[in-house]
Amino acid sequence: MARLNDFMVCPELTPISNYCLANGTAVTYAKGQSFVDEGSLCRYVAVVQSGYFKFSVIDNNSDECTTGFSFASDIVADYVCSFLNSQPSPTSIIAGTDSEVLRVPVSKLRDFLDQADPDYMARTARLLLKEAYRRYIDMHRFSPEERYLKLIGRVPGLLSLVPLKELASYLCISRRQFQRIRALAGHLSHDK
């Protein structure tokens, strides 16, 4: 599967993936089960073996807003706050479907990385900042239609894996607008 998150294919994250694959404990999460709850410290880092996880926050209207995803072969964790800074996660990470991971405690992974490469954390923090900034710019640069087309182009099969309401939320558009965009995109693909 293609990657939604550019940073997941960067060589800098290979040590995390390799450590989880070599030392991780297989854990199954049922659909809807939390990997971490908003406001709690994320105690694990994992590689998704099957299924997917959604990152979400609750907005001022008490609605759940999807802010990201981790799919098969991706790393799942609250990397910025909990892993890098030992602070509570600002998001909940929830299994979007029955999912299996290979997970390791954050503390063990941090110890391993600190010993293997003392500059590792700073380099990956820069990488994540670059990704976050690109997404921020893209929210302003591209229309919702363009963001939708880029999204489904990056992750083939996404529409069959993730509920439409989660995709609409991720794109920061209403479900009604999402349906119009999908219909328009379907017409455009038939016209080619």
N, C-alpha and C. Protein backbone atom coordinates (compact mmCIF):
# COMPACT_ATOMS: atom_id res chain seq x y z
N MET A 1 0.84 -1.18 0.00
CA MET A 1 0.00 0.00 0.00
C MET A 1 0.88 1.24 0.00
N ALA A 2 0.50 2.23 -0.78
CA ALA A 2 1.21 3.50 -0.79
C ALA A 2 1.07 4.15 0.58
N ARG A 3 1.90 5.11 0.86
CA ARG A 3 1.92 5.73 2.18
C ARG A 3 1.22 7.07 2.16
N LEU A 4 0.40 7.29 3.18
CA LEU A 4 -0.23 8.58 3.39
C LEU A 4 0.78 9.57 3.94
N ASN A 5 1.62 9.09 4.84
CA ASN A 5 2.58 9.93 5.54
C ASN A 5 3.96 9.79 4.91
N ASP A 6 4.44 10.86 4.29
CA ASP A 6 5.74 10.82 3.64
C ASP A 6 6.86 10.38 4.59
N PHE A 7 6.79 10.83 5.83
CA PHE A 7 7.87 10.52 6.76
C PHE A 7 7.98 9.04 7.07
N MET A 8 6.92 8.26 6.82
CA MET A 8 6.97 6.82 7.10
C MET A 8 7.95 6.07 6.19
N VAL A 9 8.27 6.64 5.04
CA VAL A 9 9.19 5.96 4.12
C VAL A 9 10.60 6.52 4.20
N CYS A 10 10.84 7.44 5.12
CA CYS A 10 12.18 8.00 5.27
C CYS A 10 13.09 7.02 5.99
N PRO A 11 14.33 6.92 5.54
CA PRO A 11 15.27 5.99 6.19
C PRO A 11 15.45 6.28 7.68
N GLU A 12 15.20 7.53 8.08
CA GLU A 12 15.38 7.89 9.49
C GLU A 12 14.46 7.10 10.43
N LEU A 13 13.32 6.62 9.93
CA LEU A 13 12.41 5.87 10.79
C LEU A 13 12.68 4.37 10.77
N THR A 14 13.58 3.93 9.93
CA THR A 14 13.90 2.50 9.85
C THR A 14 14.33 1.92 11.20
N PRO A 15 15.15 2.61 12.00
CA PRO A 15 15.52 2.02 13.30
C PRO A 15 14.31 1.76 14.20
N ILE A 16 13.30 2.61 14.15
CA ILE A 16 12.11 2.39 14.98
C ILE A 16 11.36 1.16 14.48
N SER A 17 11.12 1.10 13.17
CA SER A 17 10.43 -0.05 12.60
C SER A 17 11.18 -1.34 12.89
N ASN A 18 12.48 -1.33 12.64
CA ASN A 18 13.28 -2.54 12.84
C ASN A 18 13.26 -2.99 14.30
N TYR A 19 13.32 -2.03 15.23
CA TYR A 19 13.30 -2.37 16.65
C TYR A 19 11.95 -3.00 17.03
N CYS A 20 10.87 -2.41 16.55
CA CYS A 20 9.54 -2.96 16.84
C CYS A 20 9.38 -4.35 16.23
N LEU A 21 9.83 -4.53 15.01
CA LEU A 21 9.70 -5.83 14.34
C LEU A 21 10.52 -6.91 15.05
N ALA A 22 11.70 -6.53 15.54
CA ALA A 22 12.58 -7.50 16.19
C ALA A 22 12.21 -7.77 17.65
N ASN A 23 11.66 -6.77 18.33
CA ASN A 23 11.45 -6.88 19.78
C ASN A 23 10.00 -6.73 20.22
N GLY A 24 9.12 -6.48 19.27
CA GLY A 24 7.73 -6.18 19.62
C GLY A 24 6.93 -7.39 20.06
N THR A 25 5.96 -7.11 20.89
CA THR A 25 4.99 -8.11 21.32
C THR A 25 3.75 -7.94 20.44
N ALA A 26 3.25 -9.05 19.91
CA ALA A 26 2.04 -9.00 19.08
C ALA A 26 0.84 -8.72 19.98
N VAL A 27 0.10 -7.67 19.62
CA VAL A 27 -1.08 -7.27 20.38
C VAL A 27 -2.20 -7.00 19.38
N THR A 28 -3.38 -7.47 19.69
CA THR A 28 -4.55 -7.23 18.84
C THR A 28 -5.43 -6.18 19.51
N TYR A 29 -5.87 -5.21 18.72
CA TYR A 29 -6.80 -4.18 19.17
C TYR A 29 -8.11 -4.39 18.42
N ALA A 30 -9.20 -4.44 19.17
CA ALA A 30 -10.51 -4.55 18.56
C ALA A 30 -10.92 -3.20 17.98
N LYS A 31 -11.76 -3.22 16.97
CA LYS A 31 -12.25 -1.97 16.38
C LYS A 31 -12.81 -1.09 17.50
N GLY A 32 -12.35 0.17 17.53
CA GLY A 32 -12.80 1.12 18.53
C GLY A 32 -11.96 1.15 19.80
N GLN A 33 -11.04 0.21 19.95
CA GLN A 33 -10.19 0.16 21.14
C GLN A 33 -9.08 1.19 21.02
N SER A 34 -8.77 1.85 22.12
CA SER A 34 -7.76 2.91 22.12
C SER A 34 -6.35 2.35 22.25
N PHE A 35 -5.47 2.89 21.44
CA PHE A 35 -4.03 2.68 21.59
C PHE A 35 -3.53 3.65 22.66
N VAL A 36 -4.08 4.87 22.61
CA VAL A 36 -3.86 5.89 23.64
C VAL A 36 -5.06 6.82 23.62
N ASP A 37 -5.43 7.34 24.80
CA ASP A 37 -6.51 8.31 24.91
C ASP A 37 -5.94 9.71 25.00
N GLU A 38 -6.64 10.66 24.41
CA GLU A 38 -6.26 12.07 24.49
C GLU A 38 -6.06 12.43 25.97
N GLY A 39 -4.94 13.09 26.26
CA GLY A 39 -4.65 13.51 27.62
C GLY A 39 -3.86 12.49 28.43
N SER A 40 -3.59 11.31 27.84
CA SER A 40 -2.80 10.28 28.52
C SER A 40 -1.43 10.17 27.85
N LEU A 41 -0.48 9.70 28.60
CA LEU A 41 0.85 9.46 28.05
C LEU A 41 0.82 8.20 27.19
N CYS A 42 1.30 8.30 25.97
CA CYS A 42 1.38 7.13 25.09
C CYS A 42 2.59 6.32 25.53
N ARG A 43 2.35 5.11 25.98
CA ARG A 43 3.40 4.28 26.57
C ARG A 43 4.03 3.29 25.59
N TYR A 44 3.47 3.22 24.36
CA TYR A 44 3.97 2.24 23.39
C TYR A 44 4.20 2.88 22.02
N VAL A 45 5.09 2.25 21.28
CA VAL A 45 5.31 2.52 19.87
C VAL A 45 5.12 1.17 19.19
N ALA A 46 4.48 1.16 18.03
CA ALA A 46 4.21 -0.11 17.37
C ALA A 46 4.28 0.03 15.86
N VAL A 47 4.42 -1.11 15.20
CA VAL A 47 4.29 -1.20 13.75
C VAL A 47 2.98 -1.94 13.50
N VAL A 48 2.14 -1.35 12.67
CA VAL A 48 0.85 -1.94 12.34
C VAL A 48 1.08 -3.12 11.41
N GLN A 49 0.60 -4.28 11.80
CA GLN A 49 0.71 -5.48 10.99
C GLN A 49 -0.52 -5.65 10.10
N SER A 50 -1.68 -5.34 10.64
CA SER A 50 -2.92 -5.41 9.87
C SER A 50 -3.92 -4.42 10.46
N GLY A 51 -4.88 -4.01 9.62
CA GLY A 51 -5.86 -3.03 10.05
C GLY A 51 -5.33 -1.61 9.93
N TYR A 52 -5.93 -0.70 10.68
CA TYR A 52 -5.46 0.69 10.68
C TYR A 52 -5.89 1.36 11.97
N PHE A 53 -5.23 2.48 12.27
CA PHE A 53 -5.56 3.31 13.42
C PHE A 53 -5.85 4.72 12.94
N LYS A 54 -6.80 5.36 13.60
CA LYS A 54 -7.09 6.76 13.30
C LYS A 54 -6.69 7.61 14.49
N PHE A 55 -6.18 8.78 14.20
CA PHE A 55 -5.82 9.77 15.20
C PHE A 55 -6.99 10.76 15.23
N SER A 56 -7.49 11.08 16.42
CA SER A 56 -8.64 11.97 16.47
C SER A 56 -8.60 12.86 17.71
N VAL A 57 -9.30 13.97 17.58
CA VAL A 57 -9.50 14.92 18.68
C VAL A 57 -10.99 15.22 18.75
N ILE A 58 -11.41 15.73 19.88
CA ILE A 58 -12.80 16.17 20.06
C ILE A 58 -12.82 17.69 19.94
N ASP A 59 -13.67 18.21 19.05
CA ASP A 59 -13.71 19.66 18.85
C ASP A 59 -14.64 20.33 19.88
N ASN A 60 -14.81 21.63 19.76
CA ASN A 60 -15.63 22.41 20.71
C ASN A 60 -17.10 22.03 20.67
N ASN A 61 -17.55 21.36 19.62
CA ASN A 61 -18.95 20.90 19.52
C ASN A 61 -19.10 19.45 19.96
N SER A 62 -18.06 18.90 20.56
CA SER A 62 -18.03 17.50 21.01
C SER A 62 -18.09 16.50 19.85
N ASP A 63 -17.66 16.93 18.67
CA ASP A 63 -17.58 16.04 17.52
C ASP A 63 -16.16 15.50 17.40
N GLU A 64 -16.06 14.23 16.99
CA GLU A 64 -14.76 13.63 16.77
C GLU A 64 -14.23 14.08 15.41
N CYS A 65 -12.99 14.56 15.39
CA CYS A 65 -12.33 15.00 14.16
C CYS A 65 -11.12 14.12 13.91
N THR A 66 -11.07 13.50 12.74
CA THR A 66 -9.96 12.64 12.37
C THR A 66 -8.80 13.49 11.87
N THR A 67 -7.64 13.31 12.48
CA THR A 67 -6.47 14.12 12.12
C THR A 67 -5.38 13.34 11.42
N GLY A 68 -5.49 12.01 11.40
CA GLY A 68 -4.46 11.22 10.73
C GLY A 68 -4.77 9.74 10.80
N PHE A 69 -3.93 8.96 10.12
CA PHE A 69 -4.09 7.52 10.06
C PHE A 69 -2.73 6.84 10.10
N SER A 70 -2.70 5.62 10.60
CA SER A 70 -1.56 4.73 10.45
C SER A 70 -2.09 3.42 9.89
N PHE A 71 -1.56 3.01 8.75
CA PHE A 71 -2.00 1.81 8.06
C PHE A 71 -0.97 0.70 8.23
N ALA A 72 -1.22 -0.46 7.61
CA ALA A 72 -0.30 -1.59 7.69
C ALA A 72 1.11 -1.15 7.29
N SER A 73 2.09 -1.57 8.06
CA SER A 73 3.52 -1.27 7.92
C SER A 73 3.90 0.11 8.45
N ASP A 74 2.93 0.92 8.86
CA ASP A 74 3.23 2.23 9.43
C ASP A 74 3.55 2.09 10.92
N ILE A 75 4.23 3.07 11.43
CA ILE A 75 4.46 3.19 12.87
C ILE A 75 3.22 3.87 13.45
N VAL A 76 2.78 3.41 14.61
CA VAL A 76 1.68 4.06 15.31
C VAL A 76 2.17 4.44 16.70
N ALA A 77 2.01 5.73 17.04
CA ALA A 77 2.40 6.26 18.34
C ALA A 77 2.07 7.74 18.35
N ASP A 78 2.01 8.31 19.54
CA ASP A 78 2.01 9.77 19.64
C ASP A 78 3.48 10.15 19.71
N TYR A 79 4.06 10.35 18.56
CA TYR A 79 5.50 10.52 18.47
C TYR A 79 5.96 11.86 19.04
N VAL A 80 5.27 12.94 18.67
CA VAL A 80 5.75 14.27 19.04
C VAL A 80 5.65 14.52 20.54
N CYS A 81 4.46 14.40 21.11
CA CYS A 81 4.31 14.75 22.53
C CYS A 81 4.83 13.65 23.45
N SER A 82 4.31 12.45 23.31
CA SER A 82 4.67 11.40 24.27
C SER A 82 6.07 10.84 24.04
N PHE A 83 6.41 10.52 22.79
CA PHE A 83 7.70 9.89 22.54
C PHE A 83 8.85 10.88 22.68
N LEU A 84 8.76 12.01 22.00
CA LEU A 84 9.86 12.97 22.02
C LEU A 84 9.93 13.77 23.32
N ASN A 85 8.76 14.10 23.90
CA ASN A 85 8.73 15.05 25.00
C ASN A 85 8.17 14.52 26.31
N SER A 86 7.82 13.24 26.36
CA SER A 86 7.28 12.62 27.58
C SER A 86 6.09 13.40 28.15
N GLN A 87 5.22 13.86 27.26
CA GLN A 87 4.03 14.61 27.65
C GLN A 87 2.79 13.86 27.18
N PRO A 88 1.63 14.17 27.78
CA PRO A 88 0.39 13.51 27.38
C PRO A 88 0.06 13.75 25.90
N SER A 89 -0.58 12.79 25.31
CA SER A 89 -0.97 12.87 23.90
C SER A 89 -2.12 13.85 23.71
N PRO A 90 -2.03 14.73 22.72
CA PRO A 90 -3.14 15.64 22.43
C PRO A 90 -4.23 14.98 21.59
N THR A 91 -3.99 13.75 21.16
CA THR A 91 -4.95 13.02 20.33
C THR A 91 -5.23 11.66 20.94
N SER A 92 -6.37 11.11 20.55
CA SER A 92 -6.64 9.70 20.81
C SER A 92 -6.22 8.94 19.57
N ILE A 93 -5.68 7.76 19.77
CA ILE A 93 -5.34 6.88 18.66
C ILE A 93 -6.19 5.63 18.84
N ILE A 94 -7.06 5.37 17.87
CA ILE A 94 -8.09 4.35 18.01
C ILE A 94 -8.03 3.38 16.84
N ALA A 95 -8.19 2.10 17.13
CA ALA A 95 -8.24 1.09 16.06
C ALA A 95 -9.48 1.34 15.21
N GLY A 96 -9.27 1.57 13.91
CA GLY A 96 -10.38 1.81 12.99
C GLY A 96 -11.07 0.53 12.58
N THR A 97 -10.39 -0.57 12.75
CA THR A 97 -10.91 -1.91 12.48
C THR A 97 -10.11 -2.84 13.38
N ASP A 98 -10.49 -4.09 13.47
CA ASP A 98 -9.66 -5.03 14.23
C ASP A 98 -8.25 -4.95 13.65
N SER A 99 -7.27 -4.73 14.51
CA SER A 99 -5.91 -4.45 14.05
C SER A 99 -4.90 -5.20 14.91
N GLU A 100 -3.81 -5.57 14.27
CA GLU A 100 -2.72 -6.22 15.01
C GLU A 100 -1.46 -5.39 14.84
N VAL A 101 -0.71 -5.27 15.94
CA VAL A 101 0.54 -4.52 15.95
C VAL A 101 1.63 -5.33 16.61
N LEU A 102 2.85 -4.93 16.37
CA LEU A 102 4.01 -5.37 17.15
C LEU A 102 4.45 -4.14 17.93
N ARG A 103 4.26 -4.17 19.26
CA ARG A 103 4.51 -2.98 20.05
C ARG A 103 5.61 -3.18 21.07
N VAL A 104 6.28 -2.06 21.36
CA VAL A 104 7.35 -2.02 22.37
C VAL A 104 7.09 -0.84 23.28
N PRO A 105 7.54 -0.92 24.52
CA PRO A 105 7.41 0.23 25.41
C PRO A 105 8.27 1.41 24.92
N VAL A 106 7.73 2.60 25.03
CA VAL A 106 8.45 3.81 24.62
C VAL A 106 9.79 3.88 25.34
N SER A 107 9.80 3.57 26.63
CA SER A 107 11.04 3.69 27.41
C SER A 107 12.16 2.81 26.86
N LYS A 108 11.84 1.60 26.47
CA LYS A 108 12.86 0.69 25.93
C LYS A 108 13.37 1.17 24.57
N LEU A 109 12.46 1.65 23.74
CA LEU A 109 12.87 2.15 22.43
C LEU A 109 13.73 3.40 22.57
N ARG A 110 13.34 4.30 23.45
CA ARG A 110 14.15 5.52 23.67
C ARG A 110 15.55 5.16 24.14
N ASP A 111 15.64 4.23 25.09
CA ASP A 111 16.96 3.82 25.59
C ASP A 111 17.81 3.25 24.45
N PHE A 112 17.21 2.41 23.62
CA PHE A 112 17.92 1.83 22.49
C PHE A 112 18.42 2.92 21.54
N LEU A 113 17.53 3.85 21.17
CA LEU A 113 17.91 4.89 20.22
C LEU A 113 18.95 5.84 20.79
N ASP A 114 18.82 6.20 22.07
CA ASP A 114 19.81 7.08 22.70
C ASP A 114 21.20 6.46 22.69
N GLN A 115 21.26 5.15 22.89
CA GLN A 115 22.57 4.46 22.88
C GLN A 115 23.10 4.29 21.47
N ALA A 116 22.21 3.96 20.53
CA ALA A 116 22.64 3.69 19.16
C ALA A 116 23.04 4.97 18.42
N ASP A 117 22.34 6.08 18.71
CA ASP A 117 22.58 7.32 17.97
C ASP A 117 22.04 8.50 18.76
N PRO A 118 22.88 9.19 19.52
CA PRO A 118 22.42 10.28 20.39
C PRO A 118 21.72 11.43 19.66
N ASP A 119 21.96 11.60 18.36
CA ASP A 119 21.32 12.68 17.60
C ASP A 119 20.01 12.25 16.93
N TYR A 120 19.64 11.01 17.10
CA TYR A 120 18.48 10.45 16.39
C TYR A 120 17.21 11.24 16.65
N MET A 121 16.91 11.52 17.91
CA MET A 121 15.64 12.19 18.26
C MET A 121 15.54 13.57 17.59
N ALA A 122 16.61 14.32 17.59
CA ALA A 122 16.58 15.65 16.98
C ALA A 122 16.35 15.56 15.47
N ARG A 123 16.98 14.60 14.82
CA ARG A 123 16.79 14.46 13.36
C ARG A 123 15.35 14.09 13.02
N THR A 124 14.78 13.15 13.76
CA THR A 124 13.40 12.76 13.44
C THR A 124 12.41 13.85 13.81
N ALA A 125 12.71 14.64 14.83
CA ALA A 125 11.84 15.77 15.17
C ALA A 125 11.80 16.76 14.00
N ARG A 126 12.94 17.03 13.38
CA ARG A 126 12.98 17.92 12.22
C ARG A 126 12.16 17.34 11.06
N LEU A 127 12.26 16.05 10.87
CA LEU A 127 11.52 15.36 9.81
C LEU A 127 10.01 15.51 10.01
N LEU A 128 9.55 15.31 11.23
CA LEU A 128 8.12 15.43 11.53
C LEU A 128 7.65 16.88 11.40
N LEU A 129 8.47 17.83 11.79
CA LEU A 129 8.11 19.24 11.63
C LEU A 129 7.95 19.57 10.15
N LYS A 130 8.83 19.07 9.33
CA LYS A 130 8.75 19.30 7.88
C LYS A 130 7.44 18.73 7.32
N GLU A 131 7.07 17.51 7.74
CA GLU A 131 5.82 16.89 7.29
C GLU A 131 4.60 17.69 7.75
N ALA A 132 4.61 18.12 9.01
CA ALA A 132 3.48 18.90 9.54
C ALA A 132 3.34 20.22 8.79
N TYR A 133 4.46 20.85 8.49
CA TYR A 133 4.42 22.12 7.78
C TYR A 133 3.89 21.93 6.35
N ARG A 134 4.31 20.85 5.70
CA ARG A 134 3.81 20.57 4.35
C ARG A 134 2.29 20.40 4.38
N ARG A 135 1.78 19.65 5.35
CA ARG A 135 0.33 19.46 5.45
C ARG A 135 -0.40 20.77 5.70
N TYR A 136 0.17 21.60 6.55
CA TYR A 136 -0.43 22.90 6.84
C TYR A 136 -0.51 23.75 5.57
N ILE A 137 0.57 23.82 4.83
CA ILE A 137 0.60 24.59 3.58
C ILE A 137 -0.40 24.00 2.58
N ASP A 138 -0.45 22.67 2.47
CA ASP A 138 -1.37 22.03 1.53
C ASP A 138 -2.83 22.33 1.84
N MET A 139 -3.16 22.49 3.12
CA MET A 139 -4.55 22.84 3.49
C MET A 139 -4.94 24.19 2.89
N HIS A 140 -3.97 25.06 2.72
CA HIS A 140 -4.24 26.39 2.16
C HIS A 140 -4.01 26.44 0.65
N ARG A 141 -3.11 25.64 0.18
CA ARG A 141 -2.73 25.66 -1.23
C ARG A 141 -3.75 24.96 -2.12
N PHE A 142 -4.31 23.85 -1.65
CA PHE A 142 -5.18 23.03 -2.49
C PHE A 142 -6.63 23.11 -2.04
N SER A 143 -7.52 23.04 -3.02
CA SER A 143 -8.95 23.01 -2.73
C SER A 143 -9.31 21.66 -2.11
N PRO A 144 -10.48 21.55 -1.49
CA PRO A 144 -10.90 20.24 -0.97
C PRO A 144 -10.90 19.15 -2.06
N GLU A 145 -11.32 19.51 -3.27
CA GLU A 145 -11.34 18.55 -4.37
C GLU A 145 -9.92 18.06 -4.68
N GLU A 146 -8.98 19.00 -4.75
CA GLU A 146 -7.59 18.64 -5.03
C GLU A 146 -7.00 17.77 -3.92
N ARG A 147 -7.31 18.12 -2.66
CA ARG A 147 -6.82 17.32 -1.54
C ARG A 147 -7.39 15.91 -1.58
N TYR A 148 -8.66 15.78 -1.93
CA TYR A 148 -9.30 14.46 -2.04
C TYR A 148 -8.61 13.63 -3.14
N LEU A 149 -8.42 14.23 -4.31
CA LEU A 149 -7.79 13.49 -5.41
C LEU A 149 -6.36 13.08 -5.07
N LYS A 150 -5.62 13.96 -4.40
CA LYS A 150 -4.26 13.62 -3.98
C LYS A 150 -4.30 12.47 -2.97
N LEU A 151 -5.25 12.52 -2.06
CA LEU A 151 -5.36 11.50 -1.02
C LEU A 151 -5.63 10.12 -1.61
N ILE A 152 -6.62 10.02 -2.48
CA ILE A 152 -6.93 8.70 -3.04
C ILE A 152 -5.85 8.25 -4.03
N GLY A 153 -5.12 9.21 -4.62
CA GLY A 153 -4.00 8.85 -5.48
C GLY A 153 -2.82 8.30 -4.69
N ARG A 154 -2.62 8.80 -3.48
CA ARG A 154 -1.50 8.36 -2.63
C ARG A 154 -1.76 7.00 -1.99
N VAL A 155 -3.03 6.73 -1.69
CA VAL A 155 -3.37 5.51 -0.94
C VAL A 155 -4.45 4.75 -1.69
N PRO A 156 -4.06 3.97 -2.70
CA PRO A 156 -5.05 3.18 -3.43
C PRO A 156 -5.81 2.25 -2.48
N GLY A 157 -7.11 2.12 -2.70
CA GLY A 157 -7.93 1.27 -1.85
C GLY A 157 -8.40 1.92 -0.58
N LEU A 158 -8.05 3.17 -0.39
CA LEU A 158 -8.41 3.88 0.84
C LEU A 158 -9.92 3.93 1.06
N LEU A 159 -10.67 4.14 -0.02
CA LEU A 159 -12.12 4.27 0.11
C LEU A 159 -12.78 2.99 0.60
N SER A 160 -12.16 1.85 0.37
CA SER A 160 -12.73 0.59 0.86
C SER A 160 -12.24 0.25 2.26
N LEU A 161 -11.22 0.93 2.74
CA LEU A 161 -10.64 0.64 4.04
C LEU A 161 -11.18 1.53 5.15
N VAL A 162 -11.36 2.80 4.86
CA VAL A 162 -11.70 3.80 5.87
C VAL A 162 -13.12 4.32 5.63
N PRO A 163 -13.94 4.44 6.68
CA PRO A 163 -15.28 5.01 6.51
C PRO A 163 -15.24 6.42 5.93
N LEU A 164 -16.21 6.72 5.11
CA LEU A 164 -16.24 8.01 4.42
C LEU A 164 -16.28 9.18 5.39
N LYS A 165 -16.98 9.02 6.53
CA LYS A 165 -17.04 10.14 7.48
C LYS A 165 -15.66 10.45 8.05
N GLU A 166 -14.80 9.43 8.23
CA GLU A 166 -13.44 9.68 8.71
C GLU A 166 -12.62 10.41 7.65
N LEU A 167 -12.81 10.04 6.39
CA LEU A 167 -12.08 10.72 5.31
C LEU A 167 -12.53 12.17 5.18
N ALA A 168 -13.83 12.41 5.28
CA ALA A 168 -14.34 13.78 5.21
C ALA A 168 -13.75 14.61 6.35
N SER A 169 -13.74 14.04 7.54
CA SER A 169 -13.19 14.73 8.70
C SER A 169 -11.70 15.02 8.49
N TYR A 170 -10.96 14.05 8.00
CA TYR A 170 -9.53 14.23 7.75
C TYR A 170 -9.28 15.36 6.75
N LEU A 171 -10.15 15.48 5.76
CA LEU A 171 -10.02 16.53 4.74
C LEU A 171 -10.59 17.87 5.21
N CYS A 172 -11.17 17.90 6.41
CA CYS A 172 -11.77 19.12 7.00
C CYS A 172 -12.93 19.64 6.16
N ILE A 173 -13.77 18.71 5.71
CA ILE A 173 -14.97 19.09 4.96
C ILE A 173 -16.16 18.33 5.52
N SER A 174 -17.36 18.83 5.21
CA SER A 174 -18.58 18.16 5.67
C SER A 174 -18.80 16.88 4.86
N ARG A 175 -19.62 16.00 5.41
CA ARG A 175 -19.93 14.76 4.67
C ARG A 175 -20.68 15.08 3.38
N ARG A 176 -21.53 16.09 3.41
CA ARG A 176 -22.27 16.48 2.20
C ARG A 176 -21.29 16.98 1.13
N GLN A 177 -20.34 17.83 1.53
CA GLN A 177 -19.35 18.32 0.57
C GLN A 177 -18.49 17.16 0.07
N PHE A 178 -18.17 16.22 0.95
CA PHE A 178 -17.38 15.06 0.56
C PHE A 178 -18.12 14.24 -0.50
N GLN A 179 -19.42 14.04 -0.33
CA GLN A 179 -20.21 13.29 -1.31
C GLN A 179 -20.22 14.00 -2.67
N ARG A 180 -20.35 15.32 -2.66
CA ARG A 180 -20.31 16.09 -3.92
C ARG A 180 -18.96 15.94 -4.61
N ILE A 181 -17.90 16.02 -3.83
CA ILE A 181 -16.55 15.88 -4.39
C ILE A 181 -16.36 14.50 -4.98
N ARG A 182 -16.80 13.47 -4.27
CA ARG A 182 -16.68 12.10 -4.79
C ARG A 182 -17.46 11.94 -6.08
N ALA A 183 -18.67 12.50 -6.13
CA ALA A 183 -19.48 12.40 -7.35
C ALA A 183 -18.80 13.12 -8.51
N LEU A 184 -18.28 14.32 -8.25
CA LEU A 184 -17.58 15.07 -9.28
C LEU A 184 -16.33 14.32 -9.75
N ALA A 185 -15.58 13.78 -8.80
CA ALA A 185 -14.37 13.04 -9.16
C ALA A 185 -14.71 11.80 -9.98
N GLY A 186 -15.84 11.15 -9.67
CA GLY A 186 -16.27 9.99 -10.44
C GLY A 186 -16.62 10.37 -11.87
N HIS A 187 -17.29 11.51 -12.04
CA HIS A 187 -17.63 12.00 -13.38
C HIS A 187 -16.37 12.36 -14.16
N LEU A 188 -15.40 12.99 -13.49
CA LEU A 188 -14.18 13.36 -14.16
C LEU A 188 -13.41 12.13 -14.63
N SER A 189 -13.39 11.07 -13.81
CA SER A 189 -12.65 9.88 -14.21
C SER A 189 -13.33 9.16 -15.36
N HIS A 190 -14.69 9.27 -15.45
CA HIS A 190 -15.40 8.65 -16.59
C HIS A 190 -15.20 9.45 -17.87
N ASP A 191 -14.94 10.75 -17.75
CA ASP A 191 -14.77 11.59 -18.92
C ASP A 191 -13.42 11.36 -19.60
N LYS A 192 -12.48 10.76 -18.90
CA LYS A 192 -11.13 10.59 -19.47
C LYS A 192 -11.08 9.44 -20.43
